[in-house]
């Protein structure tokens, strides 16, 4: 940053030089965090899978997807996007005691969830204790069904770019779409309603099914009139390591997919790759959204997913490339 003026040569400004390089570095890091990349992990397998899916057509296809940070964005306006449990924990009616109890549960069990030294089988008993503890803590509170509606409205939860297009494309072609979540089904239903104007189970979305943790409510009469109040959770308990299609047995979804042997799986965690286990398939194309710690986690994601989409990328690759040639 030397400069010349009127015959005088000014020496480089060290502070300006350092400031400029810090700015360039920061902009480079920001670009790394915002530019999405589609990585095909095994070109030969990918080409074969896409060919099989295209030849099978819509009538042989089913799609299985995680919800939090797969169908929804991981980052919204520079902040973490709300998850199902994040929305739940934002309820205004929750006491400081509840928040302290669930914080302690998180600090105890989250390190186990992400521990690379423990196998999935070793982690499962701890995950069950975590979820049951969080659910029991919630049942000590007075939670009304209308509180969920308010919490979703006030959250920043946002569908991933292209997610709406994917959902509508599948519905239009009669493709069963299974949303598999260790979150809260009641909140997922409300997010679909508020953010997409689509009601699960109605004609506008009758090909979409949700397997998740569902709340139980009962009517109570008080000074406010009749309200539906949380009384429990339905079985079975769904956590991040038992999400697989064995949970669809006896579900209406099971009958829809008997002849649909081609599967597109969409997830964002290492546990999500197991979502289509439990029912035989011929072709499974696994697409993983890697939203954080890309340099560290990319090798693992490339070993378990067939396609990796980084940095909160859109569904465009799924919509415009994989599904483009189906008949």
Protein backbone atom coordinates (compact mmCIF):
# COMPACT_ATOMS: atom_id res chain seq x y z
CA UNK A 1 0.00 0.00 0.00
CA UNK A 2 2.70 2.46 -0.95
CA UNK A 3 1.56 5.44 -2.99
CA UNK A 4 3.15 8.22 -5.03
CA UNK A 5 2.03 11.85 -4.94
CA UNK A 6 3.82 14.94 -6.26
CA UNK A 7 7.10 13.11 -6.60
CA UNK A 8 7.00 11.82 -3.00
CA UNK A 9 6.84 8.12 -2.29
CA UNK A 10 4.91 7.16 0.82
CA UNK A 11 5.92 4.06 2.69
CA UNK A 12 3.39 1.22 2.93
CA UNK A 13 0.89 1.61 5.75
CA UNK A 14 1.28 -1.57 7.82
CA UNK A 15 -1.98 -1.10 9.71
CA UNK A 16 -3.93 -0.57 6.47
CA UNK A 17 -2.19 -3.57 4.94
CA UNK A 18 -3.18 -5.81 7.86
CA UNK A 19 -6.72 -4.43 7.88
CA UNK A 20 -7.08 -5.15 4.17
CA UNK A 21 -5.86 -8.74 4.51
CA UNK A 22 -8.13 -9.36 7.49
CA UNK A 23 -11.04 -8.07 5.41
CA UNK A 24 -10.12 -10.33 2.48
CA UNK A 25 -9.77 -13.30 4.84
CA UNK A 26 -13.13 -12.59 6.46
CA UNK A 27 -14.83 -12.25 3.07
CA UNK A 28 -13.23 -15.51 1.93
CA UNK A 29 -14.46 -17.31 5.04
CA UNK A 30 -17.95 -15.85 4.60
CA UNK A 31 -17.95 -17.02 1.00
CA UNK A 32 -16.96 -20.51 2.13
CA UNK A 33 -19.96 -20.51 4.47
CA UNK A 34 -22.45 -19.34 1.85
CA UNK A 35 -21.43 -20.98 -1.43
CA UNK A 36 -23.13 -24.34 -1.82
CA UNK A 37 -21.47 -27.25 -3.58
CA UNK A 38 -22.96 -30.49 -4.91
CA UNK A 39 -20.54 -33.39 -4.46
CA UNK A 40 -21.22 -36.71 -6.19
CA UNK A 41 -19.36 -39.26 -4.11
CA UNK A 42 -19.34 -42.20 -6.56
CA UNK A 43 -20.08 -41.20 -10.13
CA UNK A 44 -20.64 -44.75 -11.37
CA UNK A 45 -23.14 -45.64 -8.65
CA UNK A 46 -24.85 -42.26 -8.97
CA UNK A 47 -25.33 -42.61 -12.72
CA UNK A 48 -26.74 -46.12 -12.31
CA UNK A 49 -29.11 -45.03 -9.52
CA UNK A 50 -30.42 -42.03 -11.47
CA UNK A 51 -30.92 -44.24 -14.53
CA UNK A 52 -32.86 -46.83 -12.48
CA UNK A 53 -35.04 -44.13 -10.89
CA UNK A 54 -35.76 -42.55 -14.28
CA UNK A 55 -36.64 -45.89 -15.88
CA UNK A 56 -38.87 -46.86 -12.97
CA UNK A 57 -40.77 -43.60 -13.29
CA UNK A 58 -43.05 -41.93 -10.77
CA UNK A 59 -45.02 -45.12 -10.11
CA UNK A 60 -41.97 -46.92 -8.66
CA UNK A 61 -40.64 -44.01 -6.59
CA UNK A 62 -40.93 -43.01 -2.95
CA UNK A 63 -39.08 -40.21 -1.15
CA UNK A 64 -38.05 -40.29 2.51
CA UNK A 65 -36.80 -37.10 4.20
CA UNK A 66 -35.74 -35.82 7.57
CA UNK A 67 -37.36 -32.54 8.63
CA UNK A 68 -35.08 -30.31 10.74
CA UNK A 69 -32.26 -28.82 8.65
CA UNK A 70 -33.13 -31.09 5.71
CA UNK A 71 -36.50 -29.81 4.55
CA UNK A 72 -35.83 -26.65 6.57
CA UNK A 73 -32.87 -24.28 6.46
CA UNK A 74 -30.01 -24.60 8.93
CA UNK A 75 -29.31 -20.84 8.79
CA UNK A 76 -31.81 -18.00 8.39
CA UNK A 77 -30.50 -14.44 8.01
CA UNK A 78 -27.21 -15.38 9.66
CA UNK A 79 -28.84 -17.12 12.64
CA UNK A 80 -29.53 -20.78 13.37
CA UNK A 81 -32.82 -21.88 11.90
CA UNK A 82 -35.35 -23.09 14.45
CA UNK A 83 -35.78 -26.84 14.92
CA UNK A 84 -38.89 -28.62 16.19
CA UNK A 85 -37.51 -28.87 19.71
CA UNK A 86 -36.19 -25.31 19.51
CA UNK A 87 -39.69 -24.08 18.68
CA UNK A 88 -41.10 -26.18 21.52
CA UNK A 89 -38.63 -24.78 24.03
CA UNK A 90 -39.51 -21.22 22.99
CA UNK A 91 -43.07 -21.57 24.31
CA UNK A 92 -43.86 -18.58 26.53
CA UNK A 93 -45.70 -20.80 29.02
CA UNK A 94 -42.61 -22.78 30.02
CA UNK A 95 -41.16 -22.22 33.48
CA UNK A 96 -37.52 -21.46 34.36
CA UNK A 97 -37.43 -24.89 36.03
CA UNK A 98 -38.29 -26.58 32.73
CA UNK A 99 -35.58 -24.67 30.90
CA UNK A 100 -33.00 -25.54 33.55
CA UNK A 101 -33.96 -29.21 33.46
CA UNK A 102 -33.82 -29.51 29.68
CA UNK A 103 -30.55 -27.58 29.56
CA UNK A 104 -29.04 -30.07 31.99
CA UNK A 105 -30.31 -32.96 29.87
CA UNK A 106 -28.77 -31.42 26.76
CA UNK A 107 -25.41 -30.90 28.44
CA UNK A 108 -25.43 -34.50 29.64
CA UNK A 109 -26.59 -36.32 26.53
CA UNK A 110 -25.60 -34.20 23.51
CA UNK A 111 -21.89 -35.03 23.91
CA UNK A 112 -22.88 -38.71 23.79
CA UNK A 113 -24.93 -38.18 20.62
CA UNK A 114 -21.95 -36.72 18.74
CA UNK A 115 -19.28 -38.92 20.33
CA UNK A 116 -17.29 -40.75 17.63
CA UNK A 117 -15.93 -43.31 20.10
CA UNK A 118 -19.37 -44.83 20.84
CA UNK A 119 -21.32 -47.00 18.42
CA UNK A 120 -24.93 -46.27 17.53
CA UNK A 121 -26.04 -49.27 19.60
CA UNK A 122 -24.21 -47.87 22.63
CA UNK A 123 -25.78 -44.44 22.17
CA UNK A 124 -29.42 -45.56 21.85
CA UNK A 125 -30.15 -46.19 25.58
CA UNK A 126 -28.86 -42.69 26.38
CA UNK A 127 -30.96 -41.11 23.63
CA UNK A 128 -34.07 -42.82 25.02
CA UNK A 129 -33.30 -41.42 28.49
CA UNK A 130 -32.75 -37.97 27.00
CA UNK A 131 -36.04 -37.90 25.09
CA UNK A 132 -38.07 -39.43 27.90
CA UNK A 133 -36.56 -36.94 30.34
CA UNK A 134 -37.40 -33.99 28.08
CA UNK A 135 -40.95 -35.25 27.49
CA UNK A 136 -41.54 -35.81 31.22
CA UNK A 137 -40.26 -32.32 31.98
CA UNK A 138 -42.73 -30.90 29.44
CA UNK A 139 -45.62 -32.81 30.97
CA UNK A 140 -45.05 -30.95 34.26
CA UNK A 141 -45.95 -27.74 32.41
CA UNK A 142 -49.34 -26.53 31.18
CA UNK A 143 -49.04 -26.58 27.40
CA UNK A 144 -52.04 -25.80 25.22
CA UNK A 145 -52.39 -26.81 21.60
CA UNK A 146 -52.78 -23.15 20.60
CA UNK A 147 -49.36 -22.41 22.16
CA UNK A 148 -47.73 -24.44 19.38
CA UNK A 149 -49.39 -22.29 16.73
CA UNK A 150 -48.04 -19.12 18.37
CA UNK A 151 -44.54 -20.55 18.78
CA UNK A 152 -44.30 -21.56 15.11
CA UNK A 153 -45.54 -18.13 14.01
CA UNK A 154 -42.91 -16.37 16.13
CA UNK A 155 -40.04 -18.65 15.07
CA UNK A 156 -37.68 -18.20 12.14
CA UNK A 157 -38.24 -21.73 10.81
CA UNK A 158 -37.97 -21.60 7.02
CA UNK A 159 -38.24 -24.28 4.37
CA UNK A 160 -35.10 -24.93 2.35
CA UNK A 161 -35.09 -23.29 -1.09
CA UNK A 162 -36.80 -25.66 -3.51
CA UNK A 163 -38.48 -27.72 -0.77
CA UNK A 164 -41.94 -26.47 -1.65
CA UNK A 165 -41.31 -27.27 -5.30
CA UNK A 166 -40.24 -30.79 -4.37
CA UNK A 167 -43.32 -31.39 -2.19
CA UNK A 168 -45.67 -30.12 -4.88
CA UNK A 169 -43.90 -32.11 -7.61
CA UNK A 170 -44.24 -35.34 -5.62
CA UNK A 171 -47.89 -34.64 -4.82
CA UNK A 172 -48.71 -33.82 -8.43
CA UNK A 173 -47.26 -37.15 -9.55
CA UNK A 174 -48.75 -39.23 -6.74
CA UNK A 175 -45.41 -40.09 -5.13
CA UNK A 176 -45.57 -41.11 -1.44
CA UNK A 177 -43.45 -38.71 0.60
CA UNK A 178 -42.45 -39.79 4.11
CA UNK A 179 -41.23 -37.08 6.49
CA UNK A 180 -39.31 -38.92 9.20
CA UNK A 181 -38.44 -36.84 12.24
CA UNK A 182 -37.20 -37.27 15.79
CA UNK A 183 -38.84 -33.89 16.46
CA UNK A 184 -42.50 -33.19 17.19
CA UNK A 185 -45.13 -34.16 14.61
CA UNK A 186 -47.61 -31.55 15.84
CA UNK A 187 -45.08 -28.80 15.20
CA UNK A 188 -44.18 -30.18 11.76
CA UNK A 189 -47.88 -30.14 10.84
CA UNK A 190 -48.16 -26.52 11.98
CA UNK A 191 -45.04 -25.50 10.05
CA UNK A 192 -46.48 -27.01 6.85
CA UNK A 193 -49.72 -25.15 7.46
CA UNK A 194 -48.23 -21.75 8.25
CA UNK A 195 -45.22 -21.69 5.93
CA UNK A 196 -46.63 -23.51 2.90
CA UNK A 197 -50.38 -23.22 3.37
CA UNK A 198 -50.59 -27.02 3.14
CA UNK A 199 -52.55 -29.20 5.57
CA UNK A 200 -51.22 -32.69 6.24
CA UNK A 201 -53.84 -35.38 5.64
CA UNK A 202 -56.05 -33.18 3.46
CA UNK A 203 -56.38 -33.40 -0.32
CA UNK A 204 -53.73 -30.72 -0.85
CA UNK A 205 -51.12 -32.95 0.77
CA UNK A 206 -52.55 -36.47 0.90
CA UNK A 207 -49.36 -38.13 -0.40
CA UNK A 208 -47.25 -36.70 2.45
CA UNK A 209 -46.99 -38.68 5.68
CA UNK A 210 -45.20 -37.82 8.92
CA UNK A 211 -43.67 -40.35 11.30
CA UNK A 212 -42.55 -38.49 14.40
CA UNK A 213 -43.29 -37.96 18.09
CA UNK A 214 -46.94 -36.98 18.41
CA UNK A 215 -48.52 -35.25 21.40
CA UNK A 216 -51.76 -36.23 23.09
CA UNK A 217 -54.20 -33.52 24.16
CA UNK A 218 -57.46 -33.50 26.07
CA UNK A 219 -60.19 -30.89 26.33
CA UNK A 220 -60.25 -28.83 29.53
CA UNK A 221 -62.79 -26.21 30.51
CA UNK A 222 -61.57 -23.15 32.39
CA UNK A 223 -62.20 -19.41 32.62
CA UNK A 224 -60.91 -19.07 29.05
CA UNK A 225 -63.46 -21.57 27.77
CA UNK A 226 -62.56 -24.99 26.37
CA UNK A 227 -58.89 -25.58 25.60
CA UNK A 228 -56.87 -28.58 24.49
CA UNK A 229 -54.09 -29.29 26.99
CA UNK A 230 -51.06 -31.58 26.59
CA UNK A 231 -51.40 -34.84 28.56
CA UNK A 232 -48.77 -37.14 27.04
CA UNK A 233 -46.91 -38.47 24.01
CA UNK A 234 -47.96 -41.30 21.74
CA UNK A 235 -45.85 -44.41 21.25
CA UNK A 236 -43.45 -45.27 19.77
CA UNK A 237 -40.71 -42.88 20.80
CA UNK A 238 -38.75 -41.71 17.74
CA UNK A 239 -35.18 -40.54 18.32
CA UNK A 240 -32.31 -39.78 15.96
CA UNK A 241 -31.00 -43.35 15.92
CA UNK A 242 -34.17 -45.40 15.45
CA UNK A 243 -35.57 -43.58 12.43
CA UNK A 244 -36.25 -46.37 9.92
CA UNK A 245 -39.16 -47.62 7.86
CA UNK A 246 -39.96 -50.44 10.27
CA UNK A 247 -41.99 -47.73 12.05
CA UNK A 248 -44.32 -47.56 9.05
CA UNK A 249 -45.62 -51.12 9.57
CA UNK A 250 -49.36 -50.89 10.08
CA UNK A 251 -49.27 -47.28 8.92
CA UNK A 252 -51.22 -46.22 5.81
CA UNK A 253 -47.88 -45.35 4.20
CA UNK A 254 -46.85 -49.03 4.19
CA UNK A 255 -49.56 -49.97 1.69
CA UNK A 256 -48.66 -47.09 -0.60
CA UNK A 257 -45.06 -48.20 -1.10
CA UNK A 258 -45.36 -51.97 -1.55
CA UNK A 259 -44.44 -51.75 -5.25
CA UNK A 260 -42.22 -48.69 -4.99
CA UNK A 261 -38.70 -50.09 -4.90
CA UNK A 262 -36.82 -46.90 -5.82
CA UNK A 263 -36.07 -44.50 -2.97
CA UNK A 264 -34.59 -41.04 -2.74
CA UNK A 265 -33.45 -40.40 0.83
CA UNK A 266 -32.80 -36.85 2.09
CA UNK A 267 -31.06 -36.24 5.41
CA UNK A 268 -28.57 -34.06 7.25
CA UNK A 269 -27.12 -36.33 9.94
CA UNK A 270 -25.21 -39.59 10.03
CA UNK A 271 -28.23 -41.33 11.57
CA UNK A 272 -30.52 -40.25 8.72
CA UNK A 273 -28.92 -42.69 6.27
CA UNK A 274 -30.82 -45.52 8.01
CA UNK A 275 -34.31 -44.05 7.44
CA UNK A 276 -35.24 -46.42 4.61
CA UNK A 277 -34.09 -49.57 6.40
CA UNK A 278 -36.77 -52.06 7.44
CA UNK A 279 -38.49 -52.48 4.06
CA UNK A 280 -36.71 -54.02 1.02
CA UNK A 281 -35.69 -51.69 -1.80
CA UNK A 282 -33.92 -52.08 -5.12
CA UNK A 283 -32.36 -48.63 -5.57
CA UNK A 284 -31.67 -46.14 -2.78
CA UNK A 285 -30.07 -42.78 -3.61
CA UNK A 286 -28.93 -41.04 -0.41
CA UNK A 287 -28.53 -37.27 -0.50
CA UNK A 288 -27.01 -35.56 2.53
CA UNK A 289 -27.12 -31.88 3.42
CA UNK A 290 -23.91 -30.92 5.21
CA UNK A 291 -24.66 -27.61 6.87
CA UNK A 292 -21.77 -27.15 9.34
CA UNK A 293 -18.14 -28.11 10.04
CA UNK A 294 -17.75 -28.96 6.38
CA UNK A 295 -13.99 -29.49 6.28
CA UNK A 296 -14.15 -31.79 9.31
CA UNK A 297 -17.28 -33.79 8.45
CA UNK A 298 -17.09 -34.02 4.66
CA UNK A 299 -15.02 -37.26 4.54
CA UNK A 300 -17.54 -39.04 6.77
CA UNK A 301 -20.54 -37.73 4.82
CA UNK A 302 -18.95 -38.79 1.52
CA UNK A 303 -18.55 -42.30 2.92
CA UNK A 304 -22.24 -42.72 3.86
CA UNK A 305 -24.14 -40.52 1.35
CA UNK A 306 -24.14 -40.80 -2.43
CA UNK A 307 -24.48 -37.03 -2.93
CA UNK A 308 -23.47 -34.31 -0.46
CA UNK A 309 -24.86 -30.77 -0.74
CA UNK A 310 -22.98 -28.26 1.39
CA UNK A 311 -23.76 -24.91 3.02
CA UNK A 312 -27.54 -25.07 3.23
CA UNK A 313 -27.85 -25.65 -0.52
CA UNK A 314 -31.22 -25.82 -2.23
CA UNK A 315 -33.31 -28.75 -3.47
CA UNK A 316 -32.68 -27.66 -7.07
CA UNK A 317 -30.32 -30.56 -7.77
CA UNK A 318 -33.04 -33.01 -6.72
CA UNK A 319 -35.85 -31.22 -8.57
CA UNK A 320 -34.08 -30.18 -11.75
CA UNK A 321 -31.63 -33.01 -12.27
CA UNK A 322 -32.65 -36.26 -10.56
CA UNK A 323 -36.40 -35.94 -11.05
CA UNK A 324 -36.27 -34.10 -14.37
CA UNK A 325 -36.52 -37.14 -16.63
CA UNK A 326 -39.11 -39.22 -14.78
CA UNK A 327 -42.19 -40.24 -16.72
